Protein backbone atom coordinates (compact mmCIF):
# COMPACT_ATOMS: atom_id res chain seq x y z
CA UNK A 1 30.25 -64.37 4.49
CA UNK A 2 30.18 -63.83 0.78
CA UNK A 3 32.86 -62.62 -1.57
CA UNK A 4 32.53 -59.06 -2.91
CA UNK A 5 33.08 -58.40 -6.58
CA UNK A 6 35.79 -55.99 -7.71
CA UNK A 7 33.16 -53.32 -8.51
CA UNK A 8 31.67 -53.55 -5.01
CA UNK A 9 35.13 -53.30 -3.46
CA UNK A 10 36.02 -50.35 -5.76
CA UNK A 11 32.87 -48.47 -4.79
CA UNK A 12 33.42 -49.15 -1.05
CA UNK A 13 37.06 -48.02 -1.39
CA UNK A 14 36.03 -44.76 -3.11
CA UNK A 15 33.36 -44.14 -0.43
CA UNK A 16 35.91 -44.99 2.37
CA UNK A 17 33.71 -47.81 3.63
CA UNK A 18 36.35 -50.55 3.78
CA UNK A 19 37.91 -51.42 7.15
CA UNK A 20 41.70 -51.32 7.47
CA UNK A 21 42.38 -54.92 6.49
CA UNK A 22 40.02 -54.85 3.51
CA UNK A 23 41.44 -51.48 2.38
CA UNK A 24 45.07 -52.70 2.61
CA UNK A 25 44.18 -55.92 0.70
CA UNK A 26 42.35 -53.97 -1.99
CA UNK A 27 45.09 -51.37 -2.43
CA UNK A 28 47.67 -54.12 -2.71
CA UNK A 29 45.63 -55.73 -5.50
CA UNK A 30 45.51 -52.55 -7.56
CA UNK A 31 47.83 -52.47 -10.61
CA UNK A 32 48.27 -48.67 -10.73
CA UNK A 33 47.63 -47.22 -7.32
CA UNK A 34 48.50 -43.66 -8.32
CA UNK A 35 45.88 -43.69 -11.10
CA UNK A 36 43.35 -45.22 -8.71
CA UNK A 37 44.00 -42.50 -6.15
CA UNK A 38 43.61 -39.83 -8.89
CA UNK A 39 40.23 -41.39 -9.87
CA UNK A 40 39.22 -41.38 -6.20
CA UNK A 41 40.10 -37.73 -5.83
CA UNK A 42 38.28 -36.81 -9.07
CA UNK A 43 35.18 -38.74 -7.84
CA UNK A 44 35.24 -36.87 -4.52
CA UNK A 45 35.57 -33.50 -6.34
CA UNK A 46 32.67 -34.41 -8.66
CA UNK A 47 30.49 -35.47 -5.68
CA UNK A 48 31.23 -32.18 -3.93
CA UNK A 49 30.39 -30.17 -7.07
CA UNK A 50 27.14 -32.03 -7.54
CA UNK A 51 26.14 -31.49 -3.89
CA UNK A 52 26.90 -27.80 -4.30
CA UNK A 53 25.18 -27.28 -7.61
CA UNK A 54 22.21 -29.60 -7.32
CA UNK A 55 20.29 -28.24 -4.40
CA UNK A 56 16.82 -29.73 -3.79
CA UNK A 57 13.94 -27.57 -4.94
CA UNK A 58 11.72 -26.00 -2.38
CA UNK A 59 8.45 -27.89 -2.19
CA UNK A 60 5.49 -26.02 -3.47
CA UNK A 61 1.88 -26.36 -2.23
CA UNK A 62 2.84 -26.75 1.37
CA UNK A 63 -0.78 -26.50 2.52
CA UNK A 64 -1.83 -29.37 0.28
CA UNK A 65 1.19 -31.50 1.44
CA UNK A 66 0.32 -30.81 5.10
CA UNK A 67 -3.33 -31.64 4.38
CA UNK A 68 -2.31 -35.00 2.92
CA UNK A 69 -0.08 -35.73 5.93
CA UNK A 70 -2.89 -34.90 8.35
CA UNK A 71 -5.33 -37.17 6.47
CA UNK A 72 -2.82 -40.00 6.46
CA UNK A 73 -2.15 -39.57 10.21
CA UNK A 74 -5.88 -39.53 10.87
CA UNK A 75 -6.37 -42.70 8.84
CA UNK A 76 -3.54 -44.51 10.62
CA UNK A 77 -4.58 -43.44 14.15
CA UNK A 78 -8.31 -44.08 13.63
CA UNK A 79 -9.96 -47.00 15.38
CA UNK A 80 -10.23 -50.32 13.45
CA UNK A 81 -14.00 -49.94 13.22
CA UNK A 82 -13.66 -46.49 11.60
CA UNK A 83 -11.10 -47.85 9.08
CA UNK A 84 -13.33 -50.77 8.17
CA UNK A 85 -16.27 -48.53 7.20
CA UNK A 86 -15.05 -45.64 5.08
CA UNK A 87 -17.09 -42.52 5.01
CA UNK A 88 -19.48 -42.27 2.07
CA UNK A 89 -18.63 -39.46 -0.37
CA UNK A 90 -21.28 -37.58 -2.20
CA UNK A 91 -20.37 -37.19 -5.83
CA UNK A 92 -21.97 -35.29 -8.64
CA UNK A 93 -22.45 -38.50 -10.66
CA UNK A 94 -24.95 -40.23 -8.45
CA UNK A 95 -26.99 -43.16 -9.72
CA UNK A 96 -30.15 -41.04 -9.98
CA UNK A 97 -28.36 -38.39 -12.07
CA UNK A 98 -26.82 -41.04 -14.29
CA UNK A 99 -30.22 -42.67 -14.91
CA UNK A 100 -31.94 -39.35 -15.68
CA UNK A 101 -29.09 -38.31 -17.98
CA UNK A 102 -29.31 -41.65 -19.81
CA UNK A 103 -33.07 -41.36 -20.22
CA UNK A 104 -32.77 -37.79 -21.50
CA UNK A 105 -30.04 -38.84 -23.96
CA UNK A 106 -32.24 -41.67 -25.28
CA UNK A 107 -35.18 -39.28 -25.68
CA UNK A 108 -33.04 -36.76 -27.58
CA UNK A 109 -31.72 -39.58 -29.80
CA UNK A 110 -35.23 -40.86 -30.53
CA UNK A 111 -36.45 -37.35 -31.50
CA UNK A 112 -33.42 -36.73 -33.75
CA UNK A 113 -33.88 -40.18 -35.35
CA UNK A 114 -37.57 -39.53 -35.99
CA UNK A 115 -36.81 -36.16 -37.60
CA UNK A 116 -33.99 -37.42 -39.74
CA UNK A 117 -35.62 -40.74 -40.79
CA UNK A 118 -39.03 -39.28 -41.50
CA UNK A 119 -39.89 -40.17 -45.12
CA UNK A 120 -41.43 -37.50 -47.24
CA UNK A 121 -43.62 -38.71 -50.10
CA UNK A 122 -41.56 -39.03 -53.22
CA UNK A 123 -42.94 -37.41 -56.37
CA UNK A 124 -44.04 -39.79 -59.10
CA UNK A 125 -41.19 -38.81 -61.39
CA UNK A 126 -38.02 -36.92 -60.81
CA UNK A 127 -37.45 -33.69 -62.62
CA UNK A 128 -34.55 -35.21 -64.53
CA UNK A 129 -36.68 -38.09 -65.80
CA UNK A 130 -39.47 -35.69 -66.83
CA UNK A 131 -36.90 -33.64 -68.82
CA UNK A 132 -35.60 -36.74 -70.54
CA UNK A 133 -39.07 -38.03 -71.42
CA UNK A 134 -40.05 -34.66 -72.83
CA UNK A 135 -36.94 -34.46 -75.02
CA UNK A 136 -36.50 -36.37 -78.15
CA UNK A 137 -33.40 -37.71 -79.65
CA UNK A 138 -32.54 -35.74 -82.79
CA UNK A 139 -32.84 -38.22 -85.69
CA UNK A 140 -30.54 -36.05 -87.79
CA UNK A 141 -27.62 -36.44 -85.35
CA UNK A 142 -28.41 -39.97 -84.23
CA UNK A 143 -30.57 -41.78 -86.79
CA UNK A 144 -30.24 -45.23 -85.16
CA UNK A 145 -30.81 -44.14 -81.51
CA UNK A 146 -33.60 -45.77 -79.59
CA UNK A 147 -34.70 -44.91 -76.03
CA UNK A 148 -36.31 -47.53 -73.78
CA UNK A 149 -37.63 -46.71 -70.32
CA UNK A 150 -38.18 -49.38 -67.64
CA UNK A 151 -39.92 -48.24 -64.41
CA UNK A 152 -40.73 -50.12 -61.21
CA UNK A 153 -43.04 -48.53 -58.73
CA UNK A 154 -42.14 -50.86 -55.85
CA UNK A 155 -38.42 -50.18 -55.90
CA UNK A 156 -38.81 -46.57 -57.09
CA UNK A 157 -36.30 -47.09 -59.80
CA UNK A 158 -36.29 -45.97 -63.43
CA UNK A 159 -33.80 -47.34 -65.93
CA UNK A 160 -33.29 -45.40 -69.13
CA UNK A 161 -31.71 -47.54 -71.85
CA UNK A 162 -30.31 -45.51 -74.77
CA UNK A 163 -28.99 -47.54 -77.63
CA UNK A 164 -27.10 -46.08 -80.58
CA UNK A 165 -26.66 -42.62 -79.12
CA UNK A 166 -23.42 -41.07 -80.35
CA UNK A 167 -23.63 -37.76 -78.47
CA UNK A 168 -26.03 -35.90 -76.25
CA UNK A 169 -27.58 -32.63 -77.42
CA UNK A 170 -25.83 -29.50 -76.13
CA UNK A 171 -28.68 -28.61 -73.75
CA UNK A 172 -28.03 -31.79 -71.69
CA UNK A 173 -24.44 -30.69 -70.91
CA UNK A 174 -25.72 -27.86 -68.62
CA UNK A 175 -27.83 -30.12 -66.40
């Protein structure tokens, strides 16, 4: 037999679960029995109020609930051999459908990649470079300006080195 804590004895006393000897011993150990009795009465009133106000909700979807119960009863009462081999379910995502969907996705990806990555032949010079080459730096505005152009065909890069240019002509500002 183990010793109950004060809280366990208090709860059992409020719930009227102590036998006569335990109840008498507990009540004798109380410092203020009148306050304890008042707490007990308040607790009983609160319990009654909660039982009155907090009614359980009616269960919805009764047909689904009964269906679940029937399936559970069928599983529990089935023979051991039937429980060992569960019935195969046919699903929409069968292996064949997954494989065909994967193959179709790869084909669509390949076509989109081909269309996006297809290289169109680049023109020899861009329209911006042609405009720069056809323009001349005005010696009146920039007498010390020199323009050097470096082109590489392999990397398709053109570097335009302008040295001594103080400002661009006004027609360059619009481009």
